[in-house]
Amino acid sequence: MRGEMDFMGDDTDQARYFDDLAGAEDAEDAEDARLLGRLDDVVTGGTGNGCVPALRGVNLGIRPGSFLAVMGGPASGKATLARCLTGDVRPVSGTVWWAEGCSGRVLVGSGPEPDGSAIVARAWRETLMEALAEEPDLLVVDQPVSLGDGGERERAVALREMVTERGLAVVMVTGDAVVAAQADVVLFLKDGRIVDALAGAAPGRIAACGARVGVRD
């Protein structure tokens, strides 16, 4: 049963929360817990003169068939998290573990925005079908719904249906609370850390939490 819950806590609480959420029976043994993958205390390199890490001690468990949305303000680390999950960004410390037999992790981004709603919708479908042709276990979607054609909710529903029909795990980065509400759980990032999470929450609650971490309308 999907229920609404709040989360605030330190890194130990984060690890325990997401292990439980992912169905982990033993936080020390991810394989026995039937997880698709997990991040343990992941820190990634940063950019700029200060070189502040983009991710700072992120703990996250992902199970097959789960649908997670990720929200955060500018420089929160959400895009880096997406690319860390696909292997495009490697952590400088911490570990990233994937289950034996995990066939692939594919990143789908919004890319350049074509002119015209029909072109946008067609480009989205083609990009998605190309990604699915690789038969991945995890689909990581970075801002795929903010294409300016008004089809954001329909694309999010399509992702929801894929999770249900294919058993595919999806992690979706979005700034839209209505879109995020399609996910099982919404994670909120700020300054490279997961600082909050909501499960089964309505768009208004998600938007309010997003505003607290700097998500812009």
N, C-alpha and C. Protein backbone atom coordinates (compact mmCIF):
# COMPACT_ATOMS: atom_id res chain seq x y z
N MET A 1 0.86 -1.20 0.00
CA MET A 1 0.00 0.00 0.00
C MET A 1 0.89 1.23 0.00
N ARG A 2 0.60 2.17 -0.88
CA ARG A 2 1.38 3.39 -0.96
C ARG A 2 0.88 4.37 0.09
N GLY A 3 1.77 4.81 0.94
CA GLY A 3 1.42 5.79 1.95
C GLY A 3 2.35 6.97 1.89
N GLU A 4 1.95 8.06 2.47
CA GLU A 4 2.76 9.27 2.45
C GLU A 4 3.66 9.30 3.67
N MET A 5 4.93 9.63 3.45
CA MET A 5 5.87 9.67 4.56
C MET A 5 6.87 10.79 4.35
N ASP A 6 7.38 11.31 5.44
CA ASP A 6 8.42 12.32 5.40
C ASP A 6 9.73 11.69 5.82
N PHE A 7 10.82 12.31 5.41
CA PHE A 7 12.14 11.82 5.80
C PHE A 7 13.06 13.00 6.03
N MET A 8 13.68 13.01 7.16
CA MET A 8 14.78 13.93 7.44
C MET A 8 15.72 13.19 8.37
N GLY A 9 17.02 13.23 8.09
CA GLY A 9 17.92 12.52 8.98
C GLY A 9 19.34 12.57 8.50
N ASP A 10 20.25 11.93 9.27
CA ASP A 10 21.65 11.91 8.89
C ASP A 10 21.89 10.79 7.90
N ASP A 11 23.17 10.59 7.50
CA ASP A 11 23.48 9.61 6.47
C ASP A 11 23.12 8.20 6.90
N THR A 12 23.28 7.87 8.19
CA THR A 12 22.92 6.54 8.67
C THR A 12 21.43 6.30 8.50
N ASP A 13 20.63 7.30 8.82
CA ASP A 13 19.18 7.18 8.65
C ASP A 13 18.83 7.04 7.17
N GLN A 14 19.53 7.78 6.31
CA GLN A 14 19.28 7.67 4.87
C GLN A 14 19.49 6.25 4.40
N ALA A 15 20.62 5.65 4.76
CA ALA A 15 20.93 4.30 4.31
C ALA A 15 19.87 3.32 4.79
N ARG A 16 19.46 3.44 6.04
CA ARG A 16 18.46 2.53 6.60
C ARG A 16 17.12 2.73 5.90
N TYR A 17 16.74 3.98 5.68
CA TYR A 17 15.45 4.27 5.05
C TYR A 17 15.38 3.67 3.66
N PHE A 18 16.38 3.93 2.83
CA PHE A 18 16.31 3.48 1.46
C PHE A 18 16.55 1.98 1.33
N ASP A 19 17.32 1.39 2.22
CA ASP A 19 17.43 -0.07 2.22
C ASP A 19 16.08 -0.70 2.50
N ASP A 20 15.37 -0.20 3.51
CA ASP A 20 14.06 -0.72 3.85
C ASP A 20 13.08 -0.51 2.70
N LEU A 21 13.12 0.67 2.11
CA LEU A 21 12.22 1.01 1.03
C LEU A 21 12.42 0.09 -0.16
N ALA A 22 13.66 -0.28 -0.42
CA ALA A 22 13.98 -1.15 -1.55
C ALA A 22 13.76 -2.62 -1.24
N GLY A 23 13.31 -2.93 -0.05
CA GLY A 23 13.03 -4.31 0.30
C GLY A 23 14.24 -5.04 0.83
N ALA A 24 15.24 -4.33 1.31
CA ALA A 24 16.44 -4.98 1.81
C ALA A 24 16.16 -5.63 3.15
N GLU A 25 16.46 -6.92 3.23
CA GLU A 25 16.29 -7.63 4.49
C GLU A 25 17.54 -7.52 5.35
N ASP A 26 18.68 -7.26 4.72
CA ASP A 26 19.93 -7.13 5.45
C ASP A 26 20.74 -6.04 4.79
N ALA A 27 20.91 -4.90 5.46
CA ALA A 27 21.59 -3.76 4.86
C ALA A 27 23.04 -4.06 4.54
N GLU A 28 23.61 -5.12 5.14
CA GLU A 28 24.99 -5.46 4.88
C GLU A 28 25.14 -6.41 3.70
N ASP A 29 24.06 -6.94 3.17
CA ASP A 29 24.13 -7.92 2.10
C ASP A 29 23.12 -7.58 1.03
N ALA A 30 23.54 -6.74 0.05
CA ALA A 30 22.62 -6.24 -0.97
C ALA A 30 22.14 -7.36 -1.88
N GLU A 31 22.99 -8.37 -2.15
CA GLU A 31 22.57 -9.44 -3.03
C GLU A 31 21.40 -10.21 -2.44
N ASP A 32 21.48 -10.55 -1.16
CA ASP A 32 20.40 -11.28 -0.53
C ASP A 32 19.13 -10.43 -0.44
N ALA A 33 19.29 -9.12 -0.48
CA ALA A 33 18.14 -8.23 -0.38
C ALA A 33 17.45 -8.02 -1.71
N ARG A 34 17.96 -8.65 -2.78
CA ARG A 34 17.34 -8.58 -4.11
C ARG A 34 17.33 -7.17 -4.66
N LEU A 35 18.35 -6.42 -4.36
CA LEU A 35 18.48 -5.07 -4.93
C LEU A 35 19.06 -5.16 -6.33
N LEU A 36 18.61 -4.25 -7.19
CA LEU A 36 19.23 -4.11 -8.50
C LEU A 36 20.58 -3.42 -8.37
N GLY A 37 20.65 -2.42 -7.51
CA GLY A 37 21.89 -1.69 -7.30
C GLY A 37 21.81 -0.80 -6.09
N ARG A 38 22.96 -0.31 -5.67
CA ARG A 38 22.97 0.59 -4.52
C ARG A 38 24.19 1.48 -4.55
N LEU A 39 24.04 2.65 -3.95
CA LEU A 39 25.12 3.60 -3.75
C LEU A 39 25.37 3.70 -2.26
N ASP A 40 26.63 3.59 -1.86
CA ASP A 40 27.00 3.67 -0.45
C ASP A 40 27.99 4.80 -0.23
N ASP A 41 27.56 5.85 0.48
CA ASP A 41 28.42 6.98 0.84
C ASP A 41 29.18 7.53 -0.37
N VAL A 42 28.47 7.69 -1.49
CA VAL A 42 29.11 8.11 -2.73
C VAL A 42 29.42 9.61 -2.71
N VAL A 43 30.66 9.93 -3.03
CA VAL A 43 31.13 11.30 -3.18
C VAL A 43 31.72 11.42 -4.58
N THR A 44 31.35 12.45 -5.32
CA THR A 44 31.90 12.68 -6.65
C THR A 44 32.65 14.00 -6.68
N GLY A 45 33.53 14.13 -7.66
CA GLY A 45 34.28 15.37 -7.82
C GLY A 45 33.40 16.52 -8.21
N GLY A 46 33.85 17.73 -7.92
CA GLY A 46 33.08 18.93 -8.24
C GLY A 46 33.74 19.74 -9.33
N THR A 47 33.13 20.88 -9.63
CA THR A 47 33.66 21.79 -10.63
C THR A 47 33.81 23.18 -10.03
N GLY A 48 34.51 24.04 -10.72
CA GLY A 48 34.68 25.40 -10.25
C GLY A 48 35.90 25.55 -9.37
N ASN A 49 36.19 26.80 -8.99
CA ASN A 49 37.38 27.10 -8.21
C ASN A 49 37.37 26.41 -6.85
N GLY A 50 36.17 26.32 -6.24
CA GLY A 50 36.08 25.71 -4.93
C GLY A 50 36.10 24.19 -4.95
N CYS A 51 35.83 23.60 -6.14
CA CYS A 51 35.79 22.15 -6.30
C CYS A 51 34.92 21.49 -5.24
N VAL A 52 33.75 22.03 -4.99
CA VAL A 52 32.82 21.42 -4.04
C VAL A 52 32.27 20.14 -4.66
N PRO A 53 32.29 19.01 -3.95
CA PRO A 53 31.78 17.76 -4.51
C PRO A 53 30.33 17.89 -4.96
N ALA A 54 30.02 17.32 -6.12
CA ALA A 54 28.65 17.38 -6.61
C ALA A 54 27.74 16.48 -5.79
N LEU A 55 28.24 15.33 -5.37
CA LEU A 55 27.52 14.44 -4.47
C LEU A 55 28.36 14.26 -3.21
N ARG A 56 27.71 14.32 -2.05
CA ARG A 56 28.45 14.27 -0.80
C ARG A 56 27.84 13.24 0.14
N GLY A 57 28.25 12.00 0.01
CA GLY A 57 27.79 10.95 0.91
C GLY A 57 26.38 10.48 0.63
N VAL A 58 26.09 10.14 -0.64
CA VAL A 58 24.75 9.70 -1.02
C VAL A 58 24.61 8.20 -0.80
N ASN A 59 23.52 7.80 -0.14
CA ASN A 59 23.16 6.40 0.06
C ASN A 59 21.81 6.15 -0.61
N LEU A 60 21.75 5.12 -1.44
CA LEU A 60 20.53 4.88 -2.19
C LEU A 60 20.46 3.42 -2.62
N GLY A 61 19.31 2.79 -2.45
CA GLY A 61 19.07 1.45 -2.94
C GLY A 61 18.00 1.47 -4.01
N ILE A 62 18.20 0.67 -5.07
CA ILE A 62 17.25 0.61 -6.18
C ILE A 62 16.87 -0.85 -6.40
N ARG A 63 15.57 -1.13 -6.44
CA ARG A 63 15.14 -2.49 -6.70
C ARG A 63 14.48 -2.58 -8.06
N PRO A 64 14.42 -3.76 -8.66
CA PRO A 64 13.74 -3.92 -9.95
C PRO A 64 12.29 -3.47 -9.85
N GLY A 65 11.83 -2.77 -10.87
CA GLY A 65 10.45 -2.34 -10.91
C GLY A 65 10.12 -1.12 -10.08
N SER A 66 11.14 -0.47 -9.52
CA SER A 66 10.88 0.75 -8.73
C SER A 66 10.90 1.97 -9.63
N PHE A 67 10.19 3.02 -9.21
CA PHE A 67 10.13 4.28 -9.96
C PHE A 67 10.45 5.39 -8.97
N LEU A 68 11.63 5.97 -9.11
CA LEU A 68 12.08 7.05 -8.24
C LEU A 68 12.15 8.34 -9.03
N ALA A 69 11.67 9.43 -8.45
CA ALA A 69 11.85 10.76 -9.02
C ALA A 69 12.87 11.51 -8.17
N VAL A 70 13.67 12.33 -8.82
CA VAL A 70 14.71 13.11 -8.13
C VAL A 70 14.47 14.58 -8.43
N MET A 71 14.38 15.39 -7.36
CA MET A 71 14.18 16.83 -7.52
C MET A 71 15.23 17.58 -6.71
N GLY A 72 15.56 18.77 -7.18
CA GLY A 72 16.52 19.61 -6.47
C GLY A 72 16.73 20.90 -7.22
N GLY A 73 17.26 21.88 -6.55
CA GLY A 73 17.53 23.16 -7.17
C GLY A 73 18.81 23.13 -7.98
N PRO A 74 19.23 24.28 -8.51
CA PRO A 74 20.48 24.35 -9.25
C PRO A 74 21.65 23.90 -8.39
N ALA A 75 22.58 23.15 -9.00
CA ALA A 75 23.79 22.67 -8.32
C ALA A 75 23.48 21.77 -7.13
N SER A 76 22.33 21.11 -7.17
CA SER A 76 21.97 20.20 -6.07
C SER A 76 22.64 18.84 -6.20
N GLY A 77 23.09 18.50 -7.42
CA GLY A 77 23.71 17.21 -7.66
C GLY A 77 22.82 16.22 -8.37
N LYS A 78 21.62 16.63 -8.77
CA LYS A 78 20.67 15.69 -9.36
C LYS A 78 21.16 15.14 -10.70
N ALA A 79 21.71 15.99 -11.56
CA ALA A 79 22.22 15.51 -12.84
C ALA A 79 23.42 14.59 -12.64
N THR A 80 24.27 14.92 -11.67
CA THR A 80 25.42 14.08 -11.38
C THR A 80 24.97 12.73 -10.86
N LEU A 81 23.94 12.70 -10.03
CA LEU A 81 23.41 11.43 -9.54
C LEU A 81 22.94 10.57 -10.71
N ALA A 82 22.24 11.17 -11.67
CA ALA A 82 21.76 10.43 -12.83
C ALA A 82 22.93 9.80 -13.58
N ARG A 83 23.99 10.55 -13.76
CA ARG A 83 25.13 10.05 -14.52
C ARG A 83 26.01 9.11 -13.71
N CYS A 84 25.94 9.21 -12.42
CA CYS A 84 26.63 8.26 -11.57
C CYS A 84 25.96 6.88 -11.67
N LEU A 85 24.65 6.89 -11.78
CA LEU A 85 23.91 5.64 -11.89
C LEU A 85 24.20 4.92 -13.19
N THR A 86 24.49 5.65 -14.26
CA THR A 86 24.78 5.03 -15.55
C THR A 86 26.26 4.76 -15.75
N GLY A 87 27.09 5.19 -14.83
CA GLY A 87 28.53 4.96 -14.96
C GLY A 87 29.26 6.05 -15.70
N ASP A 88 28.57 7.12 -16.13
CA ASP A 88 29.22 8.21 -16.84
C ASP A 88 30.02 9.10 -15.90
N VAL A 89 29.68 9.08 -14.61
CA VAL A 89 30.45 9.78 -13.58
C VAL A 89 30.88 8.75 -12.55
N ARG A 90 32.16 8.75 -12.23
CA ARG A 90 32.68 7.80 -11.25
C ARG A 90 32.92 8.50 -9.91
N PRO A 91 32.58 7.84 -8.82
CA PRO A 91 32.79 8.46 -7.51
C PRO A 91 34.27 8.51 -7.15
N VAL A 92 34.64 9.53 -6.37
CA VAL A 92 36.01 9.60 -5.86
C VAL A 92 36.12 8.84 -4.55
N SER A 93 35.00 8.58 -3.91
CA SER A 93 34.97 7.71 -2.73
C SER A 93 33.57 7.13 -2.60
N GLY A 94 33.44 6.08 -1.79
CA GLY A 94 32.20 5.36 -1.70
C GLY A 94 32.15 4.28 -2.75
N THR A 95 31.07 3.52 -2.78
CA THR A 95 30.95 2.41 -3.71
C THR A 95 29.62 2.46 -4.45
N VAL A 96 29.65 1.97 -5.68
CA VAL A 96 28.46 1.78 -6.50
C VAL A 96 28.40 0.29 -6.84
N TRP A 97 27.35 -0.38 -6.42
CA TRP A 97 27.22 -1.83 -6.61
C TRP A 97 26.03 -2.14 -7.48
N TRP A 98 26.22 -3.09 -8.43
CA TRP A 98 25.11 -3.55 -9.27
C TRP A 98 25.02 -5.05 -9.19
N ALA A 99 23.82 -5.57 -9.21
CA ALA A 99 23.59 -7.00 -9.08
C ALA A 99 24.18 -7.76 -10.26
N GLU A 100 24.62 -8.96 -10.00
CA GLU A 100 25.12 -9.82 -11.06
C GLU A 100 23.99 -10.07 -12.06
N GLY A 101 24.32 -9.91 -13.34
CA GLY A 101 23.31 -10.09 -14.37
C GLY A 101 22.56 -8.84 -14.74
N CYS A 102 22.86 -7.73 -14.09
CA CYS A 102 22.24 -6.46 -14.48
C CYS A 102 22.67 -6.14 -15.91
N SER A 103 21.72 -6.14 -16.83
CA SER A 103 22.06 -6.12 -18.25
C SER A 103 22.41 -4.74 -18.79
N GLY A 104 22.07 -3.69 -18.08
CA GLY A 104 22.42 -2.39 -18.60
C GLY A 104 21.69 -1.27 -17.91
N ARG A 105 22.30 -0.08 -17.99
CA ARG A 105 21.72 1.12 -17.41
C ARG A 105 21.84 2.21 -18.47
N VAL A 106 20.71 2.75 -18.87
CA VAL A 106 20.67 3.68 -20.00
C VAL A 106 20.17 5.04 -19.55
N LEU A 107 20.86 6.08 -20.00
CA LEU A 107 20.47 7.46 -19.71
C LEU A 107 19.72 8.04 -20.88
N VAL A 108 18.54 8.59 -20.62
CA VAL A 108 17.76 9.30 -21.62
C VAL A 108 17.61 10.73 -21.16
N GLY A 109 18.14 11.67 -21.94
CA GLY A 109 18.05 13.09 -21.60
C GLY A 109 17.11 13.80 -22.52
N SER A 110 16.79 15.05 -22.17
CA SER A 110 15.85 15.81 -22.99
C SER A 110 16.50 16.24 -24.29
N GLY A 111 17.80 16.56 -24.26
CA GLY A 111 18.48 16.99 -25.46
C GLY A 111 17.97 18.34 -25.93
N PRO A 112 18.36 18.76 -27.14
CA PRO A 112 17.88 20.04 -27.68
C PRO A 112 16.39 20.01 -27.94
N GLU A 113 15.75 21.12 -27.79
CA GLU A 113 14.30 21.19 -27.96
C GLU A 113 13.96 21.57 -29.40
N PRO A 114 13.39 20.63 -30.17
CA PRO A 114 12.96 20.96 -31.52
C PRO A 114 11.78 21.92 -31.49
N ASP A 115 11.54 22.55 -32.62
CA ASP A 115 10.39 23.45 -32.73
C ASP A 115 9.15 22.64 -33.10
N GLY A 116 8.05 22.87 -32.38
CA GLY A 116 6.79 22.22 -32.72
C GLY A 116 6.50 21.03 -31.83
N SER A 117 5.28 20.97 -31.31
CA SER A 117 4.89 19.92 -30.38
C SER A 117 4.98 18.54 -31.00
N ALA A 118 4.57 18.39 -32.25
CA ALA A 118 4.59 17.08 -32.90
C ALA A 118 6.02 16.56 -33.02
N ILE A 119 6.94 17.47 -33.35
CA ILE A 119 8.34 17.07 -33.49
C ILE A 119 8.90 16.66 -32.14
N VAL A 120 8.56 17.41 -31.11
CA VAL A 120 9.02 17.09 -29.76
C VAL A 120 8.53 15.72 -29.33
N ALA A 121 7.24 15.47 -29.52
CA ALA A 121 6.67 14.19 -29.11
C ALA A 121 7.30 13.03 -29.88
N ARG A 122 7.50 13.22 -31.18
CA ARG A 122 8.10 12.16 -31.98
C ARG A 122 9.54 11.91 -31.56
N ALA A 123 10.30 12.98 -31.30
CA ALA A 123 11.69 12.83 -30.88
C ALA A 123 11.78 12.09 -29.55
N TRP A 124 10.85 12.40 -28.64
CA TRP A 124 10.83 11.71 -27.34
C TRP A 124 10.57 10.22 -27.52
N ARG A 125 9.58 9.89 -28.34
CA ARG A 125 9.26 8.47 -28.55
C ARG A 125 10.42 7.73 -29.17
N GLU A 126 11.07 8.34 -30.15
CA GLU A 126 12.19 7.69 -30.82
C GLU A 126 13.36 7.48 -29.87
N THR A 127 13.65 8.49 -29.06
CA THR A 127 14.74 8.37 -28.09
C THR A 127 14.45 7.28 -27.08
N LEU A 128 13.22 7.24 -26.61
CA LEU A 128 12.84 6.23 -25.63
C LEU A 128 12.90 4.83 -26.21
N MET A 129 12.42 4.66 -27.45
CA MET A 129 12.44 3.33 -28.06
C MET A 129 13.86 2.86 -28.31
N GLU A 130 14.76 3.78 -28.67
CA GLU A 130 16.16 3.42 -28.85
C GLU A 130 16.76 2.93 -27.54
N ALA A 131 16.41 3.61 -26.45
CA ALA A 131 16.92 3.20 -25.14
C ALA A 131 16.37 1.84 -24.75
N LEU A 132 15.09 1.60 -24.98
CA LEU A 132 14.47 0.33 -24.60
C LEU A 132 14.98 -0.82 -25.45
N ALA A 133 15.43 -0.52 -26.68
CA ALA A 133 15.96 -1.56 -27.55
C ALA A 133 17.20 -2.21 -26.96
N GLU A 134 17.89 -1.50 -26.07
CA GLU A 134 19.06 -2.05 -25.40
C GLU A 134 18.69 -2.97 -24.25
N GLU A 135 17.40 -3.08 -23.97
CA GLU A 135 16.87 -3.94 -22.92
C GLU A 135 17.58 -3.70 -21.57
N PRO A 136 17.55 -2.47 -21.10
CA PRO A 136 18.22 -2.17 -19.83
C PRO A 136 17.39 -2.64 -18.64
N ASP A 137 18.06 -2.81 -17.52
CA ASP A 137 17.36 -3.07 -16.27
C ASP A 137 16.97 -1.76 -15.58
N LEU A 138 17.74 -0.72 -15.87
CA LEU A 138 17.49 0.60 -15.26
C LEU A 138 17.47 1.66 -16.34
N LEU A 139 16.41 2.45 -16.34
CA LEU A 139 16.30 3.59 -17.25
C LEU A 139 16.43 4.86 -16.42
N VAL A 140 17.46 5.64 -16.69
CA VAL A 140 17.70 6.90 -15.98
C VAL A 140 17.29 8.03 -16.91
N VAL A 141 16.36 8.84 -16.48
CA VAL A 141 15.76 9.85 -17.35
C VAL A 141 16.04 11.23 -16.78
N ASP A 142 16.83 12.02 -17.49
CA ASP A 142 17.24 13.34 -17.01
C ASP A 142 16.41 14.42 -17.71
N GLN A 143 15.46 14.97 -16.98
CA GLN A 143 14.60 16.05 -17.48
C GLN A 143 13.97 15.71 -18.83
N PRO A 144 13.33 14.55 -18.95
CA PRO A 144 12.79 14.19 -20.26
C PRO A 144 11.45 14.85 -20.54
N VAL A 145 10.81 15.35 -19.51
CA VAL A 145 9.45 15.82 -19.67
C VAL A 145 9.36 17.33 -19.84
N SER A 146 10.47 18.03 -19.66
CA SER A 146 10.45 19.49 -19.75
C SER A 146 10.82 19.92 -21.16
N LEU A 147 10.02 19.49 -22.14
CA LEU A 147 10.33 19.75 -23.54
C LEU A 147 9.50 20.88 -24.13
N GLY A 148 8.64 21.48 -23.31
CA GLY A 148 7.93 22.66 -23.76
C GLY A 148 6.75 22.41 -24.66
N ASP A 149 6.29 21.16 -24.77
CA ASP A 149 5.18 20.89 -25.68
C ASP A 149 3.89 20.57 -24.94
N GLY A 150 3.89 20.63 -23.61
CA GLY A 150 2.69 20.37 -22.85
C GLY A 150 2.40 18.90 -22.61
N GLY A 151 3.29 18.02 -23.03
CA GLY A 151 3.05 16.59 -22.88
C GLY A 151 3.76 15.97 -21.69
N GLU A 152 4.11 16.80 -20.71
CA GLU A 152 4.92 16.31 -19.59
C GLU A 152 4.23 15.18 -18.84
N ARG A 153 2.97 15.39 -18.47
CA ARG A 153 2.30 14.38 -17.67
C ARG A 153 2.11 13.08 -18.44
N GLU A 154 1.81 13.19 -19.75
CA GLU A 154 1.61 11.98 -20.56
C GLU A 154 2.89 11.16 -20.61
N ARG A 155 4.04 11.81 -20.74
CA ARG A 155 5.29 11.06 -20.78
C ARG A 155 5.59 10.41 -19.43
N ALA A 156 5.27 11.11 -18.35
CA ALA A 156 5.47 10.52 -17.03
C ALA A 156 4.57 9.31 -16.83
N VAL A 157 3.34 9.39 -17.31
CA VAL A 157 2.42 8.25 -17.21
C VAL A 157 2.97 7.08 -18.03
N ALA A 158 3.54 7.38 -19.20
CA ALA A 158 4.13 6.33 -20.03
C ALA A 158 5.27 5.63 -19.29
N LEU A 159 6.08 6.40 -18.57
CA LEU A 159 7.14 5.81 -17.77
C LEU A 159 6.56 4.94 -16.66
N ARG A 160 5.49 5.43 -16.03
CA ARG A 160 4.83 4.66 -14.98
C ARG A 160 4.34 3.31 -15.53
N GLU A 161 3.78 3.33 -16.72
CA GLU A 161 3.28 2.11 -17.34
C GLU A 161 4.40 1.14 -17.67
N MET A 162 5.55 1.68 -18.08
CA MET A 162 6.69 0.81 -18.37
C MET A 162 7.18 0.10 -17.12
N VAL A 163 7.18 0.81 -16.01
CA VAL A 163 7.57 0.19 -14.75
C VAL A 163 6.63 -0.98 -14.43
N THR A 164 5.34 -0.76 -14.64
CA THR A 164 4.34 -1.78 -14.32
C THR A 164 4.42 -2.97 -15.27
N GLU A 165 4.52 -2.69 -16.57
CA GLU A 165 4.44 -3.74 -17.58
C GLU A 165 5.75 -4.50 -17.76
N ARG A 166 6.88 -3.81 -17.67
CA ARG A 166 8.16 -4.42 -17.98
C ARG A 166 8.97 -4.79 -16.75
N GLY A 167 8.58 -4.29 -15.59
CA GLY A 167 9.39 -4.52 -14.41
C GLY A 167 10.69 -3.74 -14.47
N LEU A 168 10.71 -2.68 -15.25
CA LEU A 168 11.89 -1.86 -15.45
C LEU A 168 12.02 -0.85 -14.31
N ALA A 169 13.23 -0.69 -13.79
CA ALA A 169 13.47 0.34 -12.79
C ALA A 169 13.72 1.68 -13.49
N VAL A 170 13.12 2.74 -12.96
CA VAL A 170 13.27 4.07 -13.55
C VAL A 170 13.68 5.06 -12.47
N VAL A 171 14.69 5.86 -12.77
CA VAL A 171 15.05 7.01 -11.94
C VAL A 171 14.92 8.23 -12.83
N MET A 172 14.04 9.15 -12.45
CA MET A 172 13.69 10.29 -13.29
C MET A 172 14.01 11.60 -12.59
N VAL A 173 14.84 12.42 -13.21
CA VAL A 173 15.12 13.76 -12.72
C VAL A 173 14.09 14.71 -13.31
N THR A 174 13.42 15.47 -12.46
CA THR A 174 12.39 16.38 -12.95
C THR A 174 12.24 17.56 -11.99
N GLY A 175 11.74 18.67 -12.52
CA GLY A 175 11.44 19.82 -11.69
C GLY A 175 9.94 20.06 -11.58
N ASP A 176 9.14 19.11 -12.07
CA ASP A 176 7.69 19.25 -12.13
C ASP A 176 7.04 18.35 -11.08
N ALA A 177 6.33 18.93 -10.13
CA ALA A 177 5.72 18.16 -9.05
C ALA A 177 4.64 17.22 -9.54
N VAL A 178 3.86 17.63 -10.55
CA VAL A 178 2.81 16.77 -11.09
C VAL A 178 3.43 15.54 -11.74
N VAL A 179 4.52 15.75 -12.45
CA VAL A 179 5.24 14.64 -13.07
C VAL A 179 5.85 13.73 -12.01
N ALA A 180 6.47 14.34 -11.01
CA ALA A 180 7.12 13.55 -9.96
C ALA A 180 6.13 12.69 -9.19
N ALA A 181 4.87 13.11 -9.13
CA ALA A 181 3.86 12.37 -8.39
C ALA A 181 3.57 11.01 -9.00
N GLN A 182 4.00 10.77 -10.22
CA GLN A 182 3.84 9.46 -10.84
C GLN A 182 4.78 8.43 -10.22
N ALA A 183 5.84 8.88 -9.58
CA ALA A 183 6.84 7.98 -9.02
C ALA A 183 6.37 7.37 -7.71
N ASP A 184 6.99 6.25 -7.34
CA ASP A 184 6.72 5.64 -6.04
C ASP A 184 7.25 6.52 -4.91
N VAL A 185 8.45 7.05 -5.13
CA VAL A 185 9.12 7.86 -4.12
C VAL A 185 9.79 9.04 -4.81
N VAL A 186 9.71 10.21 -4.19
CA VAL A 186 10.40 11.40 -4.69
C VAL A 186 11.53 11.72 -3.73
N LEU A 187 12.75 11.81 -4.26
CA LEU A 187 13.92 12.16 -3.47
C LEU A 187 14.25 13.62 -3.71
N PHE A 188 14.67 14.32 -2.66
CA PHE A 188 15.00 15.74 -2.76
C PHE A 188 16.48 15.92 -2.41
N LEU A 189 17.21 16.53 -3.34
CA LEU A 189 18.63 16.77 -3.15
C LEU A 189 18.89 18.24 -2.88
N LYS A 190 19.86 18.48 -2.02
CA LYS A 190 20.34 19.83 -1.78
C LYS A 190 21.80 19.75 -1.41
N ASP A 191 22.63 20.55 -2.09
CA ASP A 191 24.07 20.58 -1.83
C ASP A 191 24.69 19.19 -1.86
N GLY A 192 24.24 18.37 -2.81
CA GLY A 192 24.85 17.07 -3.00
C GLY A 192 24.40 15.98 -2.07
N ARG A 193 23.37 16.22 -1.27
CA ARG A 193 22.88 15.22 -0.32
C ARG A 193 21.38 15.00 -0.49
N ILE A 194 20.94 13.79 -0.23
CA ILE A 194 19.51 13.51 -0.15
C ILE A 194 19.04 13.99 1.21
N VAL A 195 18.20 15.02 1.20
CA VAL A 195 17.79 15.64 2.46
C VAL A 195 16.35 15.34 2.82
N ASP A 196 15.58 14.82 1.89
CA ASP A 196 14.18 14.55 2.18
C ASP A 196 13.64 13.56 1.16
N ALA A 197 12.52 12.94 1.47
CA ALA A 197 11.85 12.01 0.56
C ALA A 197 10.38 11.95 0.88
N LEU A 198 9.56 11.75 -0.15
CA LEU A 198 8.13 11.58 0.01
C LEU A 198 7.69 10.37 -0.80
N ALA A 199 6.84 9.55 -0.22
CA ALA A 199 6.26 8.42 -0.93
C ALA A 199 4.75 8.58 -0.98
N GLY A 200 4.17 8.43 -2.18
CA GLY A 200 2.73 8.52 -2.33
C GLY A 200 2.15 9.89 -2.06
N ALA A 201 2.93 10.93 -2.21
CA ALA A 201 2.46 12.29 -1.91
C ALA A 201 1.77 12.92 -3.10
N ALA A 202 0.86 13.82 -2.83
CA ALA A 202 0.17 14.58 -3.87
C ALA A 202 1.09 15.67 -4.42
N PRO A 203 0.83 16.15 -5.65
CA PRO A 203 1.69 17.16 -6.25
C PRO A 203 1.91 18.40 -5.38
N GLY A 204 0.87 18.85 -4.67
CA GLY A 204 1.02 20.04 -3.83
C GLY A 204 2.03 19.84 -2.73
N ARG A 205 2.02 18.68 -2.12
CA ARG A 205 2.98 18.37 -1.06
C ARG A 205 4.39 18.27 -1.63
N ILE A 206 4.51 17.67 -2.80
CA ILE A 206 5.80 17.54 -3.46
C ILE A 206 6.35 18.92 -3.83
N ALA A 207 5.48 19.78 -4.35
CA ALA A 207 5.91 21.12 -4.74
C ALA A 207 6.40 21.92 -3.53
N ALA A 208 5.69 21.79 -2.41
CA ALA A 208 6.09 22.51 -1.21
C ALA A 208 7.45 22.05 -0.70
N CYS A 209 7.67 20.73 -0.74
CA CYS A 209 8.96 20.20 -0.31
C CYS A 209 10.05 20.61 -1.30
N GLY A 210 9.71 20.61 -2.58
CA GLY A 210 10.68 21.03 -3.58
C GLY A 210 11.08 22.48 -3.40
N ALA A 211 10.14 23.32 -3.07
CA ALA A 211 10.45 24.73 -2.85
C ALA A 211 11.44 24.93 -1.72
N ARG A 212 11.35 24.08 -0.70
CA ARG A 212 12.26 24.19 0.43
C ARG A 212 13.70 23.84 0.07
N VAL A 213 13.87 23.05 -0.99
CA VAL A 213 15.24 22.69 -1.38
C VAL A 213 15.69 23.46 -2.63
N GLY A 214 14.89 24.44 -3.05
CA GLY A 214 15.32 25.32 -4.12
C GLY A 214 14.86 24.96 -5.52
N VAL A 215 13.87 24.06 -5.63
CA VAL A 215 13.33 23.73 -6.95
C VAL A 215 12.57 24.95 -7.48
N ARG A 216 12.88 25.33 -8.69
CA ARG A 216 12.25 26.50 -9.30
C ARG A 216 11.10 26.08 -10.18
N ASP A 217 10.04 26.90 -10.14
CA ASP A 217 8.86 26.60 -10.98
C ASP A 217 9.21 26.76 -12.45
